[in-house]
Amino acid sequence: MPVTLALIALSVAGFLLYYLGAPISWISALTFQAFSIEGREVVFYSSPGEYWRVITPIFLHFGWLHITFNSLWLWELGGLVEQRLGGGSLLVLVLLCGGGSNLAQAWYSGPSLFGGMSGVVYALLGFCWVYNALLPEGRLWVPRPIIAFMLIWLVFCMVAPTELLGIGSIANAAHLGGLLLGCLLAGLLALRRRWLKA
């Protein structure tokens, strides 16, 4: 699963930039909106033409649990998609859903620092869930307890004061946006395949 492994490797690299204290300018080059630190303030500024920023925040991770769980889910769900539909399909899904989930988070939160593969993970979950429901022969089956757990976790993070619970800030809009986008893309692809078989 070379694409899945490459995505995990890039995520680990993004985590190490943060964890090992890379220069702020390096991290700023990967965030959705460029920023600098002035005194104790985070100052955001525009960076026209830097279109890679729509996707690169998915590789930034800000803690051990963050990178560990996202890598594990990416290995399971991304690996499943890559094995069944191919690396090219997985890459297209990651680019579309990663960009879409980042845009959703930026729209919801405004200028802020966010990152992680979670929006993509939720997109892959939604994709597998809907695709398998519409085309069971596609074999993108995810156990129902896993689907239930991830949906419950999504709702919990949206309604609970996660920062007060010590979990930290959660990019809920990215999670929800990724889930909906993954479901939509699975529905469109499944309907297209049904139409071609008709």
Protein backbone atom coordinates (compact mmCIF):
# COMPACT_ATOMS: atom_id res chain seq x y z
CA MET A 1 0.00 0.00 0.00
CA PRO A 2 2.52 2.60 -1.15
CA VAL A 3 0.13 5.59 -1.20
CA THR A 4 -1.12 4.85 2.32
CA LEU A 5 2.44 4.47 3.59
CA ALA A 6 3.53 7.70 1.87
CA LEU A 7 0.65 9.62 3.47
CA ILE A 8 1.56 8.26 6.90
CA ALA A 9 5.23 9.14 6.34
CA LEU A 10 4.34 12.71 5.34
CA SER A 11 2.11 13.00 8.42
CA VAL A 12 4.92 11.80 10.68
CA ALA A 13 7.25 14.32 9.04
CA GLY A 14 4.73 17.10 9.70
CA PHE A 15 4.44 16.00 13.33
CA LEU A 16 8.24 15.97 13.75
CA LEU A 17 8.48 19.53 12.45
CA TYR A 18 6.25 20.60 15.31
CA TYR A 19 7.58 18.21 17.95
CA LEU A 20 11.27 18.93 17.31
CA GLY A 21 10.72 22.69 17.28
CA ALA A 22 11.34 23.53 13.64
CA PRO A 23 11.45 27.24 12.76
CA ILE A 24 8.02 28.87 12.77
CA SER A 25 8.50 29.82 9.11
CA TRP A 26 8.68 26.11 8.19
CA ILE A 27 5.43 25.31 9.96
CA SER A 28 3.81 28.48 8.60
CA ALA A 29 4.62 27.30 5.07
CA LEU A 30 2.27 24.32 5.61
CA THR A 31 -0.65 25.93 7.43
CA PHE A 32 -3.89 26.99 5.74
CA GLN A 33 -3.08 30.64 6.39
CA ALA A 34 0.44 31.99 6.79
CA PHE A 35 1.32 33.29 10.25
CA SER A 36 4.11 34.70 12.36
CA ILE A 37 4.66 35.11 16.08
CA GLU A 38 4.98 38.70 17.26
CA GLY A 39 5.65 38.83 20.97
CA ARG A 40 3.07 36.41 22.37
CA GLU A 41 0.57 37.00 19.59
CA VAL A 42 -0.08 34.84 16.54
CA VAL A 43 -0.48 37.15 13.55
CA PHE A 44 -2.05 35.81 10.35
CA TYR A 45 -1.44 37.34 6.96
CA SER A 46 -2.45 36.67 3.39
CA SER A 47 -0.21 34.77 1.00
CA PRO A 48 -1.72 35.04 -2.50
CA GLY A 49 -0.94 32.28 -4.97
CA GLU A 50 0.14 29.70 -2.38
CA TYR A 51 -2.53 27.19 -3.35
CA TRP A 52 -0.80 24.22 -1.71
CA ARG A 53 -2.06 25.56 1.62
CA VAL A 54 -5.49 24.10 0.84
CA ILE A 55 -4.08 20.58 1.30
CA THR A 56 -0.86 20.73 3.37
CA PRO A 57 -2.49 21.20 6.82
CA ILE A 58 -3.50 17.52 6.71
CA PHE A 59 0.14 16.62 7.31
CA LEU A 60 0.56 18.79 10.43
CA HIS A 61 -0.02 17.03 13.76
CA PHE A 62 0.34 18.57 17.20
CA GLY A 63 0.68 15.70 19.63
CA TRP A 64 1.52 12.02 20.05
CA LEU A 65 -2.11 10.91 20.30
CA HIS A 66 -2.99 13.05 17.30
CA ILE A 67 -0.43 11.45 14.99
CA THR A 68 -0.85 7.94 16.42
CA PHE A 69 -4.61 7.66 16.02
CA ASN A 70 -4.70 9.40 12.65
CA SER A 71 -1.97 7.10 11.33
CA LEU A 72 -3.76 4.00 12.61
CA TRP A 73 -7.09 5.03 11.05
CA LEU A 74 -5.35 6.02 7.83
CA TRP A 75 -3.64 2.62 7.72
CA GLU A 76 -6.96 0.81 8.19
CA LEU A 77 -9.31 2.92 6.06
CA GLY A 78 -6.85 4.26 3.51
CA GLY A 79 -5.33 0.82 3.15
CA LEU A 80 -8.76 -0.68 2.54
CA VAL A 81 -9.54 1.83 -0.21
CA GLU A 82 -6.10 1.41 -1.78
CA GLN A 83 -6.35 -2.39 -1.80
CA ARG A 84 -9.84 -2.41 -3.33
CA LEU A 85 -9.82 0.63 -5.65
CA GLY A 86 -6.12 1.34 -6.18
CA GLY A 87 -3.61 3.94 -5.07
CA GLY A 88 -4.72 6.48 -7.64
CA SER A 89 -8.28 6.44 -6.32
CA LEU A 90 -7.04 6.85 -2.75
CA LEU A 91 -4.84 9.78 -3.74
CA VAL A 92 -7.71 11.55 -5.52
CA LEU A 93 -9.95 10.98 -2.48
CA VAL A 94 -7.32 12.37 -0.11
CA LEU A 95 -6.72 15.47 -2.23
CA LEU A 96 -10.43 16.23 -2.69
CA CYS A 97 -11.47 15.44 0.87
CA GLY A 98 -8.38 16.90 2.49
CA GLY A 99 -8.84 20.16 0.64
CA GLY A 100 -12.59 20.16 1.28
CA SER A 101 -12.26 19.49 5.00
CA ASN A 102 -9.61 22.20 5.35
CA LEU A 103 -11.81 24.70 3.51
CA ALA A 104 -14.72 23.79 5.81
CA GLN A 105 -12.59 24.36 8.91
CA ALA A 106 -11.20 27.66 7.62
CA TRP A 107 -14.70 28.87 6.75
CA TYR A 108 -16.02 27.90 10.19
CA SER A 109 -13.18 29.07 12.42
CA GLY A 110 -11.69 31.95 10.45
CA PRO A 111 -7.94 32.60 10.80
CA SER A 112 -6.64 29.89 13.12
CA LEU A 113 -4.05 27.16 13.41
CA PHE A 114 -5.38 23.71 12.64
CA GLY A 115 -4.05 20.55 11.11
CA GLY A 116 -4.24 16.79 10.99
CA MET A 117 -5.44 13.92 8.87
CA SER A 118 -8.72 13.59 10.81
CA GLY A 119 -10.88 15.22 8.14
CA VAL A 120 -9.50 12.77 5.60
CA VAL A 121 -10.02 9.85 8.00
CA TYR A 122 -13.67 10.81 8.44
CA ALA A 123 -14.00 11.21 4.68
CA LEU A 124 -12.62 7.69 4.17
CA LEU A 125 -15.01 6.38 6.80
CA GLY A 126 -17.98 8.02 5.06
CA PHE A 127 -16.76 6.85 1.67
CA CYS A 128 -16.42 3.21 2.74
CA TRP A 129 -19.72 3.27 4.61
CA VAL A 130 -21.83 4.64 1.73
CA TYR A 131 -19.94 2.85 -1.06
CA ASN A 132 -20.36 -0.52 0.64
CA ALA A 133 -24.04 0.19 1.35
CA LEU A 134 -24.70 0.93 -2.33
CA LEU A 135 -22.29 -1.60 -3.84
CA PRO A 136 -21.71 -4.44 -1.35
CA GLU A 137 -19.63 -6.27 -3.96
CA GLY A 138 -17.13 -3.42 -3.72
CA ARG A 139 -15.95 -4.94 -0.41
CA LEU A 140 -15.22 -1.68 1.39
CA TRP A 141 -16.76 -3.13 4.53
CA VAL A 142 -16.06 -1.41 7.84
CA PRO A 143 -17.37 -3.09 11.03
CA ARG A 144 -20.47 -1.34 12.38
CA PRO A 145 -18.98 -0.87 15.89
CA ILE A 146 -16.13 1.15 14.34
CA ILE A 147 -18.56 3.30 12.37
CA ALA A 148 -20.66 3.81 15.50
CA PHE A 149 -17.62 4.67 17.64
CA MET A 150 -16.31 7.25 15.19
CA LEU A 151 -19.72 8.87 14.74
CA ILE A 152 -20.25 9.01 18.51
CA TRP A 153 -16.77 10.53 18.92
CA LEU A 154 -17.60 13.12 16.25
CA VAL A 155 -20.80 14.15 18.05
CA PHE A 156 -19.06 14.12 21.45
CA CYS A 157 -16.32 16.45 20.22
CA MET A 158 -18.91 18.79 18.72
CA VAL A 159 -20.95 19.16 21.92
CA ALA A 160 -18.44 18.61 24.74
CA PRO A 161 -16.03 21.30 26.03
CA THR A 162 -12.99 19.33 24.86
CA GLU A 163 -10.50 22.02 25.89
CA LEU A 164 -11.81 21.92 29.46
CA LEU A 165 -11.55 18.11 29.41
CA GLY A 166 -7.85 18.33 28.52
CA ILE A 167 -8.31 17.02 24.97
CA GLY A 168 -7.51 20.35 23.35
CA SER A 169 -9.14 22.17 20.48
CA ILE A 170 -10.80 19.90 17.89
CA ALA A 171 -11.29 20.80 14.22
CA ASN A 172 -14.93 19.69 14.21
CA ALA A 173 -15.82 21.42 10.95
CA ALA A 174 -13.02 19.52 9.19
CA HIS A 175 -14.32 16.23 10.61
CA LEU A 176 -17.93 16.87 9.63
CA GLY A 177 -16.99 18.34 6.26
CA GLY A 178 -14.76 15.37 5.49
CA LEU A 179 -17.44 12.86 6.49
CA LEU A 180 -20.10 14.51 4.30
CA LEU A 181 -17.75 14.89 1.36
CA GLY A 182 -16.66 11.24 1.58
CA CYS A 183 -20.30 10.11 1.67
CA LEU A 184 -21.13 12.30 -1.34
CA LEU A 185 -18.19 11.06 -3.43
CA ALA A 186 -19.01 7.43 -2.61
CA GLY A 187 -22.61 7.97 -3.65
CA LEU A 188 -21.60 9.56 -6.94
CA LEU A 189 -19.04 6.85 -7.73
CA ALA A 190 -21.40 4.02 -6.80
CA LEU A 191 -24.21 5.47 -8.93
CA ARG A 192 -21.80 5.89 -11.85
CA ARG A 193 -20.69 2.25 -11.59
CA ARG A 194 -24.31 1.06 -11.40
CA TRP A 195 -25.17 3.17 -14.47
CA LEU A 196 -22.22 1.73 -16.43
CA LYS A 197 -23.33 -1.82 -15.57
CA ALA A 198 -26.95 -1.15 -16.61
